C-alpha cells in the first residue's frame, strides 16, 4: 500500500485546529495512487487564502481549500503530489453554518483537497458525482457522515468552489 508523506505548515493558530496526526490520517485515507508521494498542507488565515484565491483563480474572496498539484518539468520525476492551502477560519465558519462538527469538516476539506491533487474535479455534473461519491465513501470509512446530506444548493456551491 502506498503512503503519502504529509508536511504541515501552520501559519495560522487557533485552539481547535486538528493535530498533525489527524491531518496525516485524513490525507492518507484519500490517497488513491499506487506510488508513495509527498504533500504539504498549509493552514492559513482568511487573508492569505483570499489573496491566493484571487491570484490563482480570479475570485476576490476567501475559500476553504485550494489545491496546487505539482507539475514536474519534462524528464524529471519527483514524488511530490503538491500543496493544499486550507483556511482555518473559513473551515470553522462553514462547519457552524452547515451544522457539522469541526473535526468532520476538516476531514472533508483535507480529503477533498487530496482528491483534487490526484486529478478529481467537480466542474461538470458527472465529475462532481464521481468525486462526491468517493468523498462520501472515504469519509464513511473513517466514521464520518455524508458531508452533502441536508445541504442546501447554496451551501454546496460554496464548498465546491475549491
N, C-alpha and C. Protein backbone atom coordinates (compact mmCIF):
# COMPACT_ATOMS: atom_id res chain seq x y z
N UNK A 1 0.85 -1.19 0.00
CA UNK A 1 0.00 0.00 0.00
C UNK A 1 0.89 1.25 0.00
N UNK A 2 0.56 2.20 -0.83
CA UNK A 2 1.37 3.41 -0.93
C UNK A 2 1.04 4.36 0.21
N UNK A 3 1.99 5.22 0.49
CA UNK A 3 1.82 6.17 1.58
C UNK A 3 2.11 7.58 1.11
N UNK A 4 1.43 8.49 1.71
CA UNK A 4 1.62 9.90 1.43
C UNK A 4 2.31 10.54 2.63
N UNK A 5 3.46 11.12 2.41
CA UNK A 5 4.14 11.86 3.47
C UNK A 5 3.53 13.25 3.51
N UNK A 6 3.17 13.69 4.69
CA UNK A 6 2.48 14.97 4.84
C UNK A 6 3.36 15.93 5.64
N UNK A 7 3.71 17.04 5.00
CA UNK A 7 4.42 18.12 5.67
C UNK A 7 3.39 19.18 6.03
N UNK A 8 3.42 19.64 7.26
CA UNK A 8 2.40 20.57 7.71
C UNK A 8 3.03 21.91 8.08
N UNK A 9 2.47 22.97 7.51
CA UNK A 9 2.89 24.33 7.81
C UNK A 9 1.72 25.03 8.49
N UNK A 10 1.95 25.55 9.66
CA UNK A 10 0.90 26.24 10.40
C UNK A 10 1.28 27.72 10.50
N UNK A 11 0.64 28.54 9.69
CA UNK A 11 0.89 29.98 9.76
C UNK A 11 -0.30 30.71 10.39
N UNK A 12 -1.29 29.95 10.78
CA UNK A 12 -2.45 30.47 11.49
C UNK A 12 -2.67 29.56 12.68
N UNK A 13 -2.94 30.12 13.83
CA UNK A 13 -3.12 29.30 15.02
C UNK A 13 -4.48 29.56 15.65
N UNK A 14 -5.08 28.50 16.10
CA UNK A 14 -6.34 28.56 16.83
C UNK A 14 -6.38 27.33 17.73
N UNK A 15 -7.13 27.40 18.82
CA UNK A 15 -7.13 26.28 19.76
C UNK A 15 -7.82 25.01 19.24
N UNK A 16 -8.63 25.12 18.22
CA UNK A 16 -9.43 23.98 17.77
C UNK A 16 -8.95 23.37 16.45
N UNK A 17 -7.69 23.57 16.09
CA UNK A 17 -7.17 23.02 14.85
C UNK A 17 -6.85 21.54 15.02
N UNK A 18 -6.98 20.75 13.97
CA UNK A 18 -6.60 19.35 14.06
C UNK A 18 -5.09 19.22 14.25
N UNK A 19 -4.68 18.14 14.91
CA UNK A 19 -3.24 17.94 15.10
C UNK A 19 -2.63 17.29 13.86
N UNK A 20 -1.32 17.22 13.84
CA UNK A 20 -0.60 16.69 12.68
C UNK A 20 -1.02 15.25 12.37
N UNK A 21 -1.24 14.46 13.40
CA UNK A 21 -1.62 13.06 13.20
C UNK A 21 -2.98 12.97 12.48
N UNK A 22 -3.93 13.79 12.88
CA UNK A 22 -5.24 13.78 12.21
C UNK A 22 -5.11 14.19 10.74
N UNK A 23 -4.40 15.28 10.49
CA UNK A 23 -4.23 15.75 9.11
C UNK A 23 -3.58 14.67 8.25
N UNK A 24 -2.57 14.01 8.79
CA UNK A 24 -1.88 12.95 8.05
C UNK A 24 -2.80 11.76 7.80
N UNK A 25 -3.57 11.40 8.79
CA UNK A 25 -4.52 10.28 8.64
C UNK A 25 -5.54 10.56 7.54
N UNK A 26 -6.10 11.75 7.55
CA UNK A 26 -7.11 12.09 6.54
C UNK A 26 -6.50 12.13 5.14
N UNK A 27 -5.31 12.72 5.04
CA UNK A 27 -4.65 12.81 3.73
C UNK A 27 -4.35 11.42 3.18
N UNK A 28 -3.83 10.54 4.02
CA UNK A 28 -3.51 9.19 3.57
C UNK A 28 -4.75 8.39 3.21
N UNK A 29 -5.85 8.64 3.92
CA UNK A 29 -7.10 7.93 3.62
C UNK A 29 -7.61 8.28 2.23
N UNK A 30 -7.29 9.47 1.74
CA UNK A 30 -7.76 9.90 0.42
C UNK A 30 -6.74 9.62 -0.69
N UNK A 31 -5.55 9.16 -0.34
CA UNK A 31 -4.51 8.92 -1.33
C UNK A 31 -4.81 7.63 -2.08
N UNK A 32 -5.12 7.73 -3.36
CA UNK A 32 -5.57 6.60 -4.17
C UNK A 32 -4.50 6.06 -5.11
N UNK A 33 -3.34 6.67 -5.12
CA UNK A 33 -2.30 6.29 -6.07
C UNK A 33 -1.54 5.05 -5.60
N UNK A 34 -0.89 4.38 -6.53
CA UNK A 34 -0.14 3.17 -6.21
C UNK A 34 1.32 3.47 -5.90
N UNK A 35 1.68 4.73 -5.82
CA UNK A 35 3.05 5.12 -5.51
C UNK A 35 3.08 6.08 -4.32
N UNK A 36 4.18 6.04 -3.59
CA UNK A 36 4.36 6.97 -2.47
C UNK A 36 4.55 8.38 -3.01
N UNK A 37 4.15 9.34 -2.22
CA UNK A 37 4.32 10.73 -2.63
C UNK A 37 4.36 11.61 -1.40
N UNK A 38 4.42 12.90 -1.64
CA UNK A 38 4.51 13.87 -0.56
C UNK A 38 3.59 15.05 -0.86
N UNK A 39 3.00 15.60 0.19
CA UNK A 39 2.13 16.76 0.07
C UNK A 39 2.44 17.71 1.23
N UNK A 40 2.25 18.98 0.97
CA UNK A 40 2.33 19.98 2.03
C UNK A 40 0.92 20.48 2.30
N UNK A 41 0.55 20.50 3.57
CA UNK A 41 -0.72 21.11 3.97
C UNK A 41 -0.36 22.36 4.75
N UNK A 42 -0.82 23.50 4.25
CA UNK A 42 -0.53 24.80 4.86
C UNK A 42 -1.83 25.35 5.44
N UNK A 43 -1.84 25.56 6.74
CA UNK A 43 -3.02 26.10 7.42
C UNK A 43 -2.84 27.61 7.56
N UNK A 44 -3.79 28.35 6.98
CA UNK A 44 -3.66 29.80 6.90
C UNK A 44 -4.92 30.49 7.41
N UNK A 45 -4.82 31.81 7.50
CA UNK A 45 -5.96 32.64 7.84
C UNK A 45 -6.71 33.08 6.59
N UNK A 46 -7.75 33.83 6.80
CA UNK A 46 -8.63 34.25 5.72
C UNK A 46 -7.94 35.19 4.72
N UNK A 47 -7.03 36.02 5.20
CA UNK A 47 -6.36 36.97 4.29
C UNK A 47 -5.49 36.24 3.27
N UNK A 48 -4.70 35.28 3.71
CA UNK A 48 -3.82 34.57 2.78
C UNK A 48 -4.63 33.75 1.78
N UNK A 49 -5.67 33.07 2.22
CA UNK A 49 -6.45 32.24 1.28
C UNK A 49 -7.17 33.13 0.28
N UNK A 50 -7.64 34.30 0.71
CA UNK A 50 -8.32 35.23 -0.20
C UNK A 50 -7.35 35.74 -1.27
N UNK A 51 -6.14 36.06 -0.84
CA UNK A 51 -5.14 36.55 -1.79
C UNK A 51 -4.78 35.46 -2.81
N UNK A 52 -4.59 34.24 -2.34
CA UNK A 52 -4.27 33.13 -3.24
C UNK A 52 -5.43 32.83 -4.19
N UNK A 53 -6.64 32.89 -3.66
CA UNK A 53 -7.82 32.62 -4.48
C UNK A 53 -7.96 33.65 -5.60
N UNK A 54 -7.67 34.91 -5.27
CA UNK A 54 -7.73 35.95 -6.31
C UNK A 54 -6.59 35.79 -7.32
N UNK A 55 -5.39 35.53 -6.83
CA UNK A 55 -4.22 35.40 -7.71
C UNK A 55 -4.35 34.23 -8.67
N UNK A 56 -4.76 33.08 -8.17
CA UNK A 56 -4.74 31.86 -8.98
C UNK A 56 -6.08 31.47 -9.59
N UNK A 57 -7.17 32.02 -9.06
CA UNK A 57 -8.47 31.64 -9.59
C UNK A 57 -9.31 32.83 -10.02
N UNK A 58 -8.80 34.04 -9.80
CA UNK A 58 -9.53 35.23 -10.20
C UNK A 58 -10.77 35.49 -9.38
N UNK A 59 -10.84 34.93 -8.17
CA UNK A 59 -12.01 35.11 -7.31
C UNK A 59 -11.57 35.88 -6.07
N UNK A 60 -12.06 37.10 -5.95
CA UNK A 60 -11.62 38.02 -4.89
C UNK A 60 -12.39 37.79 -3.60
N UNK A 61 -12.21 36.61 -3.04
CA UNK A 61 -12.85 36.26 -1.77
C UNK A 61 -12.17 35.03 -1.19
N UNK A 62 -12.34 34.81 0.09
CA UNK A 62 -11.75 33.62 0.69
C UNK A 62 -12.50 32.35 0.27
N UNK A 63 -11.82 31.23 0.38
CA UNK A 63 -12.41 29.92 0.13
C UNK A 63 -11.90 28.97 1.20
N UNK A 64 -12.37 27.75 1.19
CA UNK A 64 -11.99 26.81 2.24
C UNK A 64 -10.66 26.13 1.98
N UNK A 65 -10.47 25.59 0.78
CA UNK A 65 -9.25 24.85 0.47
C UNK A 65 -8.86 25.11 -0.98
N UNK A 66 -7.58 25.28 -1.20
CA UNK A 66 -7.04 25.40 -2.55
C UNK A 66 -6.02 24.27 -2.74
N UNK A 67 -6.04 23.68 -3.91
CA UNK A 67 -5.13 22.59 -4.25
C UNK A 67 -4.20 23.05 -5.36
N UNK A 68 -2.93 22.81 -5.15
CA UNK A 68 -1.92 23.16 -6.14
C UNK A 68 -1.12 21.92 -6.50
N UNK A 69 -1.55 21.18 -7.54
CA UNK A 69 -0.82 19.98 -7.93
C UNK A 69 0.59 20.33 -8.41
N UNK A 70 1.55 19.49 -8.06
CA UNK A 70 2.92 19.69 -8.51
C UNK A 70 3.05 19.16 -9.93
N UNK A 71 3.60 19.97 -10.80
CA UNK A 71 3.82 19.57 -12.19
C UNK A 71 5.32 19.62 -12.45
N UNK A 72 5.91 18.44 -12.49
CA UNK A 72 7.36 18.35 -12.71
C UNK A 72 7.70 18.71 -14.15
N UNK A 73 8.86 19.32 -14.34
CA UNK A 73 9.32 19.58 -15.71
C UNK A 73 9.53 18.26 -16.46
N UNK A 74 9.47 18.32 -17.77
CA UNK A 74 9.65 17.11 -18.59
C UNK A 74 10.96 16.41 -18.24
N UNK A 75 10.88 15.11 -18.10
CA UNK A 75 12.06 14.31 -17.82
C UNK A 75 12.45 14.25 -16.35
N UNK A 76 11.75 14.95 -15.51
CA UNK A 76 12.05 14.95 -14.08
C UNK A 76 10.96 14.19 -13.35
N UNK A 77 11.34 13.25 -12.53
CA UNK A 77 10.36 12.54 -11.72
C UNK A 77 10.67 12.79 -10.25
N UNK A 78 9.77 13.43 -9.60
CA UNK A 78 9.88 13.75 -8.18
C UNK A 78 8.57 13.33 -7.53
N UNK A 79 8.63 12.61 -6.41
CA UNK A 79 7.39 12.13 -5.80
C UNK A 79 6.67 13.20 -4.98
N UNK A 80 6.26 14.26 -5.65
CA UNK A 80 5.51 15.32 -4.97
C UNK A 80 4.10 15.40 -5.56
N UNK A 81 3.12 15.32 -4.69
CA UNK A 81 1.73 15.45 -5.15
C UNK A 81 1.37 16.92 -5.33
N UNK A 82 1.82 17.76 -4.41
CA UNK A 82 1.50 19.18 -4.49
C UNK A 82 1.24 19.76 -3.11
N UNK A 83 0.52 20.87 -3.10
CA UNK A 83 0.24 21.60 -1.86
C UNK A 83 -1.26 21.80 -1.69
N UNK A 84 -1.68 21.74 -0.43
CA UNK A 84 -3.03 22.15 -0.05
C UNK A 84 -2.90 23.36 0.85
N UNK A 85 -3.72 24.36 0.62
CA UNK A 85 -3.78 25.52 1.49
C UNK A 85 -5.21 25.55 2.03
N UNK A 86 -5.33 25.52 3.35
CA UNK A 86 -6.65 25.44 3.98
C UNK A 86 -6.80 26.61 4.95
N UNK A 87 -7.92 27.31 4.82
CA UNK A 87 -8.21 28.42 5.72
C UNK A 87 -8.94 27.90 6.95
N UNK A 88 -8.28 27.97 8.10
CA UNK A 88 -8.89 27.52 9.35
C UNK A 88 -10.15 28.31 9.66
N UNK A 89 -10.12 29.60 9.38
CA UNK A 89 -11.28 30.45 9.68
C UNK A 89 -12.48 30.10 8.82
N UNK A 90 -12.26 29.85 7.53
CA UNK A 90 -13.36 29.50 6.64
C UNK A 90 -13.92 28.13 7.00
N UNK A 91 -13.03 27.17 7.29
CA UNK A 91 -13.49 25.83 7.67
C UNK A 91 -14.35 25.90 8.94
N UNK A 92 -13.92 26.67 9.92
CA UNK A 92 -14.68 26.81 11.16
C UNK A 92 -16.04 27.46 10.90
N UNK A 93 -16.05 28.51 10.08
CA UNK A 93 -17.31 29.20 9.78
C UNK A 93 -18.27 28.26 9.05
N UNK A 94 -17.76 27.53 8.04
CA UNK A 94 -18.61 26.61 7.29
C UNK A 94 -19.15 25.49 8.17
N UNK A 95 -18.30 24.96 9.05
CA UNK A 95 -18.76 23.88 9.93
C UNK A 95 -19.96 24.35 10.75
N UNK A 96 -19.88 25.55 11.28
CA UNK A 96 -21.01 26.09 12.04
C UNK A 96 -22.24 26.30 11.20
N UNK A 97 -22.06 26.89 10.02
CA UNK A 97 -23.19 27.16 9.13
C UNK A 97 -23.86 25.85 8.67
N UNK A 98 -23.06 24.81 8.45
CA UNK A 98 -23.57 23.55 7.93
C UNK A 98 -23.94 22.57 9.05
N UNK A 99 -23.81 23.03 10.29
CA UNK A 99 -24.13 22.22 11.47
C UNK A 99 -23.37 20.88 11.46
N UNK A 100 -22.07 20.97 11.15
CA UNK A 100 -21.19 19.80 11.17
C UNK A 100 -20.21 19.98 12.32
N UNK A 101 -19.65 18.86 12.77
CA UNK A 101 -18.57 19.00 13.74
C UNK A 101 -17.35 19.56 13.00
N UNK A 102 -16.55 20.29 13.72
CA UNK A 102 -15.34 20.86 13.13
C UNK A 102 -14.43 19.75 12.63
N UNK A 103 -14.32 18.68 13.39
CA UNK A 103 -13.50 17.53 13.02
C UNK A 103 -13.95 16.93 11.69
N UNK A 104 -15.25 16.74 11.52
CA UNK A 104 -15.79 16.16 10.28
C UNK A 104 -15.53 17.08 9.09
N UNK A 105 -15.67 18.38 9.29
CA UNK A 105 -15.48 19.29 8.17
C UNK A 105 -14.00 19.39 7.79
N UNK A 106 -13.12 19.39 8.79
CA UNK A 106 -11.69 19.37 8.49
C UNK A 106 -11.33 18.11 7.70
N UNK A 107 -11.83 16.96 8.14
CA UNK A 107 -11.55 15.70 7.44
C UNK A 107 -12.00 15.81 5.99
N UNK A 108 -13.19 16.37 5.78
CA UNK A 108 -13.72 16.51 4.43
C UNK A 108 -12.84 17.44 3.59
N UNK A 109 -12.44 18.57 4.14
CA UNK A 109 -11.65 19.52 3.37
C UNK A 109 -10.27 18.94 2.99
N UNK A 110 -9.64 18.23 3.93
CA UNK A 110 -8.34 17.62 3.62
C UNK A 110 -8.52 16.56 2.53
N UNK A 111 -9.50 15.70 2.68
CA UNK A 111 -9.71 14.63 1.70
C UNK A 111 -10.12 15.22 0.34
N UNK A 112 -10.96 16.24 0.36
CA UNK A 112 -11.39 16.92 -0.87
C UNK A 112 -10.16 17.46 -1.61
N UNK A 113 -9.28 18.13 -0.88
CA UNK A 113 -8.07 18.70 -1.49
C UNK A 113 -7.13 17.62 -2.02
N UNK A 114 -6.97 16.55 -1.28
CA UNK A 114 -6.09 15.45 -1.72
C UNK A 114 -6.64 14.82 -3.00
N UNK A 115 -7.95 14.68 -3.09
CA UNK A 115 -8.54 14.14 -4.32
C UNK A 115 -8.28 15.08 -5.49
N UNK A 116 -8.38 16.39 -5.27
CA UNK A 116 -8.04 17.35 -6.33
C UNK A 116 -6.61 17.16 -6.82
N UNK A 117 -5.68 16.93 -5.90
CA UNK A 117 -4.28 16.74 -6.27
C UNK A 117 -4.08 15.51 -7.15
N UNK A 118 -5.04 14.59 -7.09
CA UNK A 118 -4.95 13.37 -7.88
C UNK A 118 -5.77 13.45 -9.16
N UNK A 119 -6.28 14.63 -9.46
CA UNK A 119 -6.98 14.83 -10.72
C UNK A 119 -8.50 14.77 -10.65
N UNK A 120 -9.05 14.52 -9.48
CA UNK A 120 -10.51 14.52 -9.36
C UNK A 120 -10.99 15.97 -9.38
N UNK A 121 -12.19 16.18 -9.93
CA UNK A 121 -12.72 17.53 -10.01
C UNK A 121 -14.24 17.50 -9.95
N UNK A 122 -14.83 18.66 -9.88
CA UNK A 122 -16.30 18.77 -9.80
C UNK A 122 -16.81 19.90 -10.67
N UNK A 123 -16.10 20.11 -11.79
CA UNK A 123 -16.51 21.18 -12.70
C UNK A 123 -17.81 20.84 -13.41
N UNK A 124 -17.93 19.62 -13.90
CA UNK A 124 -19.20 19.24 -14.52
C UNK A 124 -19.91 18.22 -13.63
N UNK A 125 -21.19 18.01 -13.88
CA UNK A 125 -22.03 17.17 -13.02
C UNK A 125 -21.52 15.74 -12.90
N UNK A 126 -21.06 15.17 -14.00
CA UNK A 126 -20.60 13.78 -13.98
C UNK A 126 -19.34 13.65 -13.11
N UNK A 127 -18.39 14.55 -13.29
CA UNK A 127 -17.18 14.52 -12.46
C UNK A 127 -17.51 14.79 -11.00
N UNK A 128 -18.43 15.70 -10.74
CA UNK A 128 -18.84 16.02 -9.37
C UNK A 128 -19.45 14.79 -8.71
N UNK A 129 -20.25 14.06 -9.45
CA UNK A 129 -20.89 12.86 -8.90
C UNK A 129 -19.83 11.82 -8.50
N UNK A 130 -18.83 11.64 -9.34
CA UNK A 130 -17.76 10.69 -9.03
C UNK A 130 -16.98 11.15 -7.80
N UNK A 131 -16.58 12.42 -7.78
CA UNK A 131 -15.77 12.93 -6.67
C UNK A 131 -16.56 12.90 -5.36
N UNK A 132 -17.79 13.36 -5.41
CA UNK A 132 -18.61 13.37 -4.19
C UNK A 132 -18.85 11.95 -3.68
N UNK A 133 -19.09 11.02 -4.59
CA UNK A 133 -19.30 9.63 -4.20
C UNK A 133 -18.08 9.07 -3.50
N UNK A 134 -16.92 9.38 -4.02
CA UNK A 134 -15.67 8.92 -3.40
C UNK A 134 -15.47 9.58 -2.04
N UNK A 135 -15.75 10.87 -1.94
CA UNK A 135 -15.64 11.56 -0.65
C UNK A 135 -16.55 10.92 0.39
N UNK A 136 -17.79 10.65 0.01
CA UNK A 136 -18.76 10.04 0.92
C UNK A 136 -18.25 8.68 1.39
N UNK A 137 -17.74 7.89 0.46
CA UNK A 137 -17.22 6.56 0.78
C UNK A 137 -16.03 6.64 1.73
N UNK A 138 -15.05 7.47 1.38
CA UNK A 138 -13.83 7.58 2.19
C UNK A 138 -14.12 8.13 3.58
N UNK A 139 -14.94 9.16 3.66
CA UNK A 139 -15.30 9.72 4.96
C UNK A 139 -16.08 8.69 5.78
N UNK A 140 -16.97 7.94 5.13
CA UNK A 140 -17.72 6.90 5.81
C UNK A 140 -16.82 5.84 6.41
N UNK A 141 -15.76 5.50 5.71
CA UNK A 141 -14.81 4.50 6.22
C UNK A 141 -14.11 4.98 7.49
N UNK A 142 -14.06 6.27 7.68
CA UNK A 142 -13.45 6.84 8.89
C UNK A 142 -14.50 7.20 9.94
N UNK A 143 -15.76 6.86 9.68
CA UNK A 143 -16.82 7.09 10.65
C UNK A 143 -17.51 8.44 10.56
N UNK A 144 -17.30 9.15 9.46
CA UNK A 144 -17.94 10.45 9.28
C UNK A 144 -19.18 10.32 8.40
N UNK A 145 -20.17 11.16 8.68
CA UNK A 145 -21.41 11.16 7.92
C UNK A 145 -21.20 11.76 6.53
N UNK A 146 -22.15 11.51 5.66
CA UNK A 146 -22.17 12.09 4.32
C UNK A 146 -22.13 13.62 4.44
N UNK A 147 -21.09 14.26 3.92
CA UNK A 147 -20.98 15.72 4.08
C UNK A 147 -21.96 16.50 3.23
N UNK A 148 -22.64 15.82 2.30
CA UNK A 148 -23.57 16.51 1.41
C UNK A 148 -25.02 16.34 1.83
N UNK A 149 -25.30 15.56 2.86
CA UNK A 149 -26.67 15.38 3.34
C UNK A 149 -27.19 16.67 3.94
N UNK A 150 -28.46 16.95 3.67
CA UNK A 150 -29.11 18.14 4.20
C UNK A 150 -28.36 19.42 3.86
N UNK A 151 -27.82 19.42 2.69
CA UNK A 151 -27.04 20.55 2.21
C UNK A 151 -27.91 21.35 1.26
N UNK A 152 -28.07 22.63 1.51
CA UNK A 152 -28.80 23.44 0.54
C UNK A 152 -27.91 23.64 -0.68
N UNK A 153 -28.48 23.89 -1.83
CA UNK A 153 -27.68 24.06 -3.05
C UNK A 153 -26.75 25.27 -2.91
N UNK A 154 -27.16 26.28 -2.16
CA UNK A 154 -26.30 27.46 -1.99
C UNK A 154 -25.05 27.10 -1.20
N UNK A 155 -25.20 26.35 -0.09
CA UNK A 155 -24.03 25.94 0.69
C UNK A 155 -23.16 24.98 -0.08
N UNK A 156 -23.76 24.10 -0.85
CA UNK A 156 -22.99 23.13 -1.63
C UNK A 156 -22.12 23.84 -2.64
N UNK A 157 -22.66 24.87 -3.26
CA UNK A 157 -21.88 25.65 -4.23
C UNK A 157 -20.66 26.28 -3.57
N UNK A 158 -20.83 26.82 -2.38
CA UNK A 158 -19.73 27.45 -1.67
C UNK A 158 -18.63 26.44 -1.39
N UNK A 159 -18.99 25.27 -0.87
CA UNK A 159 -17.98 24.27 -0.53
C UNK A 159 -17.27 23.78 -1.77
N UNK A 160 -17.98 23.60 -2.85
CA UNK A 160 -17.37 23.03 -4.03
C UNK A 160 -16.63 24.07 -4.85
N UNK A 161 -16.48 25.24 -4.34
CA UNK A 161 -15.78 26.29 -5.05
C UNK A 161 -14.27 26.06 -5.04
N UNK A 162 -13.81 25.19 -4.20
CA UNK A 162 -12.36 24.97 -4.06
C UNK A 162 -11.81 24.13 -5.18
